[in-house]
C-alpha cells in the first residue's frame, strides 16, 4: 500500500509526481555551483577545478555541463528525479527544444543514484541530423570514445521523411534491482557460466 520502498540504506518514495529539474538546475541545487557560474563556461571550468576536476583542452559547453552532472550530481539523485534539457552535444539523436535550440527534448529518470530510463523526441530533420553526426565524428577524432560515427544511411532515410516520433528505454534489470532491494545486477539476472576457451 505504501509508496515507500527500501533500497539499501535508503527509503525511496515512489509517490508521483516525481521531481523534475534541468541539467543546469541540478548543478546549482545539488552540486552547489551558483547559477551564474553554471551559465558561464569559463567560470564553470574554474568551479570544477576548485572541486578537484581538471578539464584538459577545448570542451564544448554542453560537455562541461555533463562532466559536472556525472561527477557531482548523478550519484546523489536518490529519490525519483527526472533530469531534463540535455545539451545537444550529448544527445545526437534527440530533437532540439523549440524554446532553446542548445538543448533537446530529452529526459532521464534517476533513482538511487542510477539512470533508470532515457527518453527523447526523435530528431527528424535530416540536415540537423547530418550536422550533429559530423560534430560527433569531430568529437570522436578528438578522443571522445562515446561519440557516435557518421551514419549516412540514417540521414538518407530521414530525407524520405519521418513523422514526429519519441521513444523511451527503461533498464528493466535496474528496475528489478530497485523493487527487490538488490545491490548488484548479478542478483537479478542469470549470468551463465562461461565455458573455458
C-alpha atoms as a PDB file:
ATOM      1  CA  UNK A   1       0.000   0.000   0.000  1.00  0.00           C
ATOM      2  CA  UNK A   2       2.831   2.414   0.802  1.00  0.00           C
ATOM      3  CA  UNK A   3       4.665   4.262  -1.962  1.00  0.00           C
ATOM      4  CA  UNK A   4       7.873   3.980   0.082  1.00  0.00           C
ATOM      5  CA  UNK A   5      10.179   1.017  -0.515  1.00  0.00           C
ATOM      6  CA  UNK A   6      13.637   0.305   0.915  1.00  0.00           C
ATOM      7  CA  UNK A   7      16.719   0.212  -1.254  1.00  0.00           C
ATOM      8  CA  UNK A   8      19.956  -0.400   0.615  1.00  0.00           C
ATOM      9  CA  UNK A   9      20.260   2.305   3.257  1.00  0.00           C
ATOM     10  CA  UNK A  10      17.602   4.479   1.581  1.00  0.00           C
ATOM     11  CA  UNK A  11      13.835   4.732   1.713  1.00  0.00           C
ATOM     12  CA  UNK A  12      12.689   5.537  -1.824  1.00  0.00           C
ATOM     13  CA  UNK A  13       9.335   7.306  -2.155  1.00  0.00           C
ATOM     14  CA  UNK A  14       7.655   6.433  -5.459  1.00  0.00           C
ATOM     15  CA  UNK A  15       4.716   8.770  -4.956  1.00  0.00           C
ATOM     16  CA  UNK A  16       4.006  10.801  -8.098  1.00  0.00           C
ATOM     17  CA  UNK A  17       4.701  13.343  -9.329  1.00  0.00           C
ATOM     18  CA  UNK A  18       8.459  12.843  -9.367  1.00  0.00           C
ATOM     19  CA  UNK A  19      10.768  15.841  -9.075  1.00  0.00           C
ATOM     20  CA  UNK A  20      11.806  17.480 -12.374  1.00  0.00           C
ATOM     21  CA  UNK A  21      14.925  19.624 -12.803  1.00  0.00           C
ATOM     22  CA  UNK A  22      17.165  20.584 -15.703  1.00  0.00           C
ATOM     23  CA  UNK A  23      20.830  19.643 -16.002  1.00  0.00           C
ATOM     24  CA  UNK A  24      21.779  23.247 -15.205  1.00  0.00           C
ATOM     25  CA  UNK A  25      19.447  23.452 -12.204  1.00  0.00           C
ATOM     26  CA  UNK A  26      20.876  20.199 -10.854  1.00  0.00           C
ATOM     27  CA  UNK A  27      24.393  21.663 -10.873  1.00  0.00           C
ATOM     28  CA  UNK A  28      23.159  24.535  -8.722  1.00  0.00           C
ATOM     29  CA  UNK A  29      20.711  22.681  -6.479  1.00  0.00           C
ATOM     30  CA  UNK A  30      22.725  19.509  -5.887  1.00  0.00           C
ATOM     31  CA  UNK A  31      26.352  20.328  -6.706  1.00  0.00           C
ATOM     32  CA  UNK A  32      26.153  23.770  -5.073  1.00  0.00           C
ATOM     33  CA  UNK A  33      27.512  25.715  -8.047  1.00  0.00           C
ATOM     34  CA  UNK A  34      25.836  29.149  -8.334  1.00  0.00           C
ATOM     35  CA  UNK A  35      23.513  29.555 -11.339  1.00  0.00           C
ATOM     36  CA  UNK A  36      25.521  32.471 -12.753  1.00  0.00           C
ATOM     37  CA  UNK A  37      28.656  30.289 -12.689  1.00  0.00           C
ATOM     38  CA  UNK A  38      26.823  27.387 -14.356  1.00  0.00           C
ATOM     39  CA  UNK A  39      25.719  29.773 -17.129  1.00  0.00           C
ATOM     40  CA  UNK A  40      29.304  30.824 -17.985  1.00  0.00           C
ATOM     41  CA  UNK A  41      31.626  28.147 -19.456  1.00  0.00           C
ATOM     42  CA  UNK A  42      34.897  29.703 -18.236  1.00  0.00           C
ATOM     43  CA  UNK A  43      33.527  30.203 -14.728  1.00  0.00           C
ATOM     44  CA  UNK A  44      32.149  26.661 -14.715  1.00  0.00           C
ATOM     45  CA  UNK A  45      35.588  25.246 -15.576  1.00  0.00           C
ATOM     46  CA  UNK A  46      37.080  27.221 -12.690  1.00  0.00           C
ATOM     47  CA  UNK A  47      34.391  25.900 -10.336  1.00  0.00           C
ATOM     48  CA  UNK A  48      35.212  22.329 -11.371  1.00  0.00           C
ATOM     49  CA  UNK A  49      38.926  22.920 -10.813  1.00  0.00           C
ATOM     50  CA  UNK A  50      38.131  24.288  -7.343  1.00  0.00           C
ATOM     51  CA  UNK A  51      36.329  20.971  -6.697  1.00  0.00           C
ATOM     52  CA  UNK A  52      39.325  18.968  -7.911  1.00  0.00           C
ATOM     53  CA  UNK A  53      38.292  18.236 -11.514  1.00  0.00           C
ATOM     54  CA  UNK A  54      40.804  19.295 -14.159  1.00  0.00           C
ATOM     55  CA  UNK A  55      39.498  19.608 -17.716  1.00  0.00           C
ATOM     56  CA  UNK A  56      42.056  19.444 -20.487  1.00  0.00           C
ATOM     57  CA  UNK A  57      41.679  21.141 -23.862  1.00  0.00           C
ATOM     58  CA  UNK A  58      38.742  22.789 -25.559  1.00  0.00           C
ATOM     59  CA  UNK A  59      35.459  21.336 -24.278  1.00  0.00           C
ATOM     60  CA  UNK A  60      32.011  22.360 -25.564  1.00  0.00           C
ATOM     61  CA  UNK A  61      29.690  23.947 -23.018  1.00  0.00           C
ATOM     62  CA  UNK A  62      27.235  21.039 -23.201  1.00  0.00           C
ATOM     63  CA  UNK A  63      30.039  18.604 -22.439  1.00  0.00           C
ATOM     64  CA  UNK A  64      31.102  20.769 -19.483  1.00  0.00           C
ATOM     65  CA  UNK A  65      27.583  20.534 -18.104  1.00  0.00           C
ATOM     66  CA  UNK A  66      27.607  16.752 -18.420  1.00  0.00           C
ATOM     67  CA  UNK A  67      31.034  16.422 -16.781  1.00  0.00           C
ATOM     68  CA  UNK A  68      29.708  18.209 -13.708  1.00  0.00           C
ATOM     69  CA  UNK A  69      26.467  16.253 -13.752  1.00  0.00           C
ATOM     70  CA  UNK A  70      28.272  12.913 -13.928  1.00  0.00           C
ATOM     71  CA  UNK A  71      30.787  13.877 -11.254  1.00  0.00           C
ATOM     72  CA  UNK A  72      28.722  15.829  -8.720  1.00  0.00           C
ATOM     73  CA  UNK A  73      25.018  15.126  -9.279  1.00  0.00           C
ATOM     74  CA  UNK A  74      24.104  11.685 -10.620  1.00  0.00           C
ATOM     75  CA  UNK A  75      25.112   9.655  -7.571  1.00  0.00           C
ATOM     76  CA  UNK A  76      23.139  11.991  -5.292  1.00  0.00           C
ATOM     77  CA  UNK A  77      19.811  11.552  -7.100  1.00  0.00           C
ATOM     78  CA  UNK A  78      18.346   9.126  -4.579  1.00  0.00           C
ATOM     79  CA  UNK A  79      14.637   9.978  -4.754  1.00  0.00           C
ATOM     80  CA  UNK A  80      12.979   9.582  -8.201  1.00  0.00           C
ATOM     81  CA  UNK A  81      14.022  12.581 -10.287  1.00  0.00           C
ATOM     82  CA  UNK A  82      13.532  13.474 -13.940  1.00  0.00           C
ATOM     83  CA  UNK A  83      16.528  15.331 -15.372  1.00  0.00           C
ATOM     84  CA  UNK A  84      15.598  17.408 -18.428  1.00  0.00           C
ATOM     85  CA  UNK A  85      17.136  19.725 -21.046  1.00  0.00           C
ATOM     86  CA  UNK A  86      20.141  17.683 -22.075  1.00  0.00           C
ATOM     87  CA  UNK A  87      22.613  19.615 -24.261  1.00  0.00           C
ATOM     88  CA  UNK A  88      22.635  18.845 -27.984  1.00  0.00           C
ATOM     89  CA  UNK A  89      26.298  17.799 -27.765  1.00  0.00           C
ATOM     90  CA  UNK A  90      25.259  14.796 -25.664  1.00  0.00           C
ATOM     91  CA  UNK A  91      22.020  13.944 -27.426  1.00  0.00           C
ATOM     92  CA  UNK A  92      22.872  13.444 -31.109  1.00  0.00           C
ATOM     93  CA  UNK A  93      19.573  11.721 -31.991  1.00  0.00           C
ATOM     94  CA  UNK A  94      17.210  13.939 -29.955  1.00  0.00           C
ATOM     95  CA  UNK A  95      15.108  16.778 -31.331  1.00  0.00           C
ATOM     96  CA  UNK A  96      16.118  20.338 -30.462  1.00  0.00           C
ATOM     97  CA  UNK A  97      13.963  22.156 -27.946  1.00  0.00           C
ATOM     98  CA  UNK A  98      11.871  24.816 -29.684  1.00  0.00           C
ATOM     99  CA  UNK A  99      12.399  27.374 -26.899  1.00  0.00           C
ATOM    100  CA  UNK A 100      16.174  26.877 -26.636  1.00  0.00           C
ATOM    101  CA  UNK A 101      17.896  25.078 -29.548  1.00  0.00           C
ATOM    102  CA  UNK A 102      21.038  24.444 -27.450  1.00  0.00           C
ATOM    103  CA  UNK A 103      19.090  21.777 -25.548  1.00  0.00           C
ATOM    104  CA  UNK A 104      16.985  18.797 -26.521  1.00  0.00           C
ATOM    105  CA  UNK A 105      13.572  17.402 -25.720  1.00  0.00           C
ATOM    106  CA  UNK A 106      15.057  14.601 -23.636  1.00  0.00           C
ATOM    107  CA  UNK A 107      14.762  13.345 -20.078  1.00  0.00           C
ATOM    108  CA  UNK A 108      16.360  10.683 -17.947  1.00  0.00           C
ATOM    109  CA  UNK A 109      14.847   9.229 -14.784  1.00  0.00           C
ATOM    110  CA  UNK A 110      17.234   8.621 -11.891  1.00  0.00           C
ATOM    111  CA  UNK A 111      16.509   6.616  -8.752  1.00  0.00           C
ATOM    112  CA  UNK A 112      19.023   5.627  -6.072  1.00  0.00           C
ATOM    113  CA  UNK A 113      21.859   7.292  -7.971  1.00  0.00           C
ATOM    114  CA  UNK A 114      21.303   5.291 -11.169  1.00  0.00           C
ATOM    115  CA  UNK A 115      19.728   6.005 -14.532  1.00  0.00           C
ATOM    116  CA  UNK A 116      16.514   4.019 -14.835  1.00  0.00           C
ATOM    117  CA  UNK A 117      15.026   5.466 -18.048  1.00  0.00           C
ATOM    118  CA  UNK A 118      16.139   7.543 -21.010  1.00  0.00           C
ATOM    119  CA  UNK A 119      13.608   9.143 -23.359  1.00  0.00           C
ATOM    120  CA  UNK A 120      13.520  11.770 -26.051  1.00  0.00           C
ATOM    121  CA  UNK A 121      11.694  13.149 -29.050  1.00  0.00           C
ATOM    122  CA  UNK A 122      13.453  11.787 -32.122  1.00  0.00           C
ATOM    123  CA  UNK A 123      15.294  14.197 -34.358  1.00  0.00           C
ATOM    124  CA  UNK A 124      13.589  14.004 -37.753  1.00  0.00           C
ATOM    125  CA  UNK A 125      15.383  16.841 -39.578  1.00  0.00           C
ATOM    126  CA  UNK A 126      17.983  15.293 -41.943  1.00  0.00           C
ATOM    127  CA  UNK A 127      20.054  18.479 -42.242  1.00  0.00           C
ATOM    128  CA  UNK A 128      20.318  18.915 -38.471  1.00  0.00           C
ATOM    129  CA  UNK A 129      20.997  15.179 -38.047  1.00  0.00           C
ATOM    130  CA  UNK A 130      23.851  15.181 -40.579  1.00  0.00           C
ATOM    131  CA  UNK A 131      25.462  18.193 -38.868  1.00  0.00           C
ATOM    132  CA  UNK A 132      25.201  16.515 -35.471  1.00  0.00           C
ATOM    133  CA  UNK A 133      26.762  13.331 -36.824  1.00  0.00           C
ATOM    134  CA  UNK A 134      29.602  15.451 -38.257  1.00  0.00           C
ATOM    135  CA  UNK A 135      30.057  17.071 -34.843  1.00  0.00           C
ATOM    136  CA  UNK A 136      30.137  13.608 -33.248  1.00  0.00           C
ATOM    137  CA  UNK A 137      32.815  12.458 -35.718  1.00  0.00           C
ATOM    138  CA  UNK A 138      34.922  15.503 -34.822  1.00  0.00           C
ATOM    139  CA  UNK A 139      34.478  14.728 -31.126  1.00  0.00           C
ATOM    140  CA  UNK A 140      35.477  11.085 -31.715  1.00  0.00           C
ATOM    141  CA  UNK A 141      38.552  12.187 -33.675  1.00  0.00           C
ATOM    142  CA  UNK A 142      39.439  14.461 -30.739  1.00  0.00           C
ATOM    143  CA  UNK A 143      39.390  11.492 -28.364  1.00  0.00           C
ATOM    144  CA  UNK A 144      35.753  11.149 -27.213  1.00  0.00           C
ATOM    145  CA  UNK A 145      35.223   7.379 -27.308  1.00  0.00           C
ATOM    146  CA  UNK A 146      31.500   7.740 -26.582  1.00  0.00           C
ATOM    147  CA  UNK A 147      30.842   9.927 -29.625  1.00  0.00           C
ATOM    148  CA  UNK A 148      28.908   8.387 -32.495  1.00  0.00           C
ATOM    149  CA  UNK A 149      30.030   7.533 -36.015  1.00  0.00           C
ATOM    150  CA  UNK A 150      28.599   9.033 -39.210  1.00  0.00           C
ATOM    151  CA  UNK A 151      25.500   7.157 -40.392  1.00  0.00           C
ATOM    152  CA  UNK A 152      24.651   8.375 -43.891  1.00  0.00           C
ATOM    153  CA  UNK A 153      22.073   5.607 -44.358  1.00  0.00           C
ATOM    154  CA  UNK A 154      20.133   7.005 -41.415  1.00  0.00           C
ATOM    155  CA  UNK A 155      20.396  10.554 -42.785  1.00  0.00           C
ATOM    156  CA  UNK A 156      19.175   9.317 -46.184  1.00  0.00           C
ATOM    157  CA  UNK A 157      16.220   7.595 -44.527  1.00  0.00           C
ATOM    158  CA  UNK A 158      15.323  10.853 -42.758  1.00  0.00           C
ATOM    159  CA  UNK A 159      15.370  12.632 -46.124  1.00  0.00           C
ATOM    160  CA  UNK A 160      12.455  10.436 -47.197  1.00  0.00           C
ATOM    161  CA  UNK A 161      10.582  11.681 -44.159  1.00  0.00           C
ATOM    162  CA  UNK A 162       9.933  10.605 -40.608  1.00  0.00           C
ATOM    163  CA  UNK A 163       6.863  11.681 -38.633  1.00  0.00           C
ATOM    164  CA  UNK A 164       7.224  13.122 -35.139  1.00  0.00           C
ATOM    165  CA  UNK A 165       8.433  10.213 -33.021  1.00  0.00           C
ATOM    166  CA  UNK A 166       9.518   9.655 -29.444  1.00  0.00           C
ATOM    167  CA  UNK A 167      10.875   6.726 -27.521  1.00  0.00           C
ATOM    168  CA  UNK A 168      11.793   5.603 -24.046  1.00  0.00           C
ATOM    169  CA  UNK A 169      14.182   2.945 -22.837  1.00  0.00           C
ATOM    170  CA  UNK A 170      13.870   1.521 -19.342  1.00  0.00           C
ATOM    171  CA  UNK A 171      16.562  -0.548 -17.655  1.00  0.00           C
ATOM    172  CA  UNK A 172      14.386  -3.454 -16.533  1.00  0.00           C
ATOM    173  CA  UNK A 173      17.351  -5.013 -14.730  1.00  0.00           C
ATOM    174  CA  UNK A 174      17.837  -1.842 -12.683  1.00  0.00           C
ATOM    175  CA  UNK A 175      14.115  -1.575 -12.047  1.00  0.00           C
ATOM    176  CA  UNK A 176      14.059  -5.144 -10.706  1.00  0.00           C
ATOM    177  CA  UNK A 177      17.112  -4.342  -8.547  1.00  0.00           C
ATOM    178  CA  UNK A 178      15.191  -1.414  -7.021  1.00  0.00           C
ATOM    179  CA  UNK A 179      11.980  -3.338  -6.418  1.00  0.00           C
ATOM    180  CA  UNK A 180      13.801  -6.387  -4.998  1.00  0.00           C
ATOM    181  CA  UNK A 181      16.246  -4.279  -2.940  1.00  0.00           C
ATOM    182  CA  UNK A 182      19.267  -5.953  -4.574  1.00  0.00           C
ATOM    183  CA  UNK A 183      22.576  -4.107  -4.843  1.00  0.00           C
ATOM    184  CA  UNK A 184      24.178  -5.940  -7.786  1.00  0.00           C
ATOM    185  CA  UNK A 185      22.889  -6.885 -11.200  1.00  0.00           C
ATOM    186  CA  UNK A 186      24.097 -10.461 -10.706  1.00  0.00           C
ATOM    187  CA  UNK A 187      21.378 -10.880  -8.083  1.00  0.00           C
ATOM    188  CA  UNK A 188      18.584 -10.235 -10.592  1.00  0.00           C
ATOM    189  CA  UNK A 189      19.935 -11.550 -13.912  1.00  0.00           C
ATOM    190  CA  UNK A 190      21.160 -15.056 -14.541  1.00  0.00           C
ATOM    191  CA  UNK A 191      24.755 -14.986 -15.723  1.00  0.00           C
ATOM    192  CA  UNK A 192      25.512 -18.366 -17.301  1.00  0.00           C
ATOM    193  CA  UNK A 193      28.827 -19.955 -16.564  1.00  0.00           C
ATOM    194  CA  UNK A 194      31.419 -19.100 -19.154  1.00  0.00           C
ATOM    195  CA  UNK A 195      32.929 -22.010 -20.991  1.00  0.00           C
ATOM    196  CA  UNK A 196      36.722 -22.148 -20.819  1.00  0.00           C
ATOM    197  CA  UNK A 197      38.452 -21.033 -24.002  1.00  0.00           C
END
